């Protein structure tokens, strides 16, 4: 195959890649930090509420991971990561309190 025949293929690939990058960048720019889930107080929560909170925290973490892939600034990335760590710590504390109160479960 001559170079002249390959050139349109390469050019088409580059245009497609550039278009995909634009779509990714625009969807990335529109993405905002997901809202943190509510964490029930461990001393008053039911087993069902704790399991629901666990599922919400897991979904939140996955959602934030996608969001962090779009963050270019390292300081913003670290700030957002700290927010996620705070949510996880709050949930873990609620679980500890819950388990202490309901040791028989």
Foldseek 3Di string as FASTA:
>chain_A
DDPVVVVVVVVVVVVVVVVVVVVVLVVLVPDDQDDQDDADALQPDDPVSLVVNVVRLVVNVVSVVVNLVSDDDPVVSVVSVVVNVVSVVVSVVSVVSNCVNPVVD
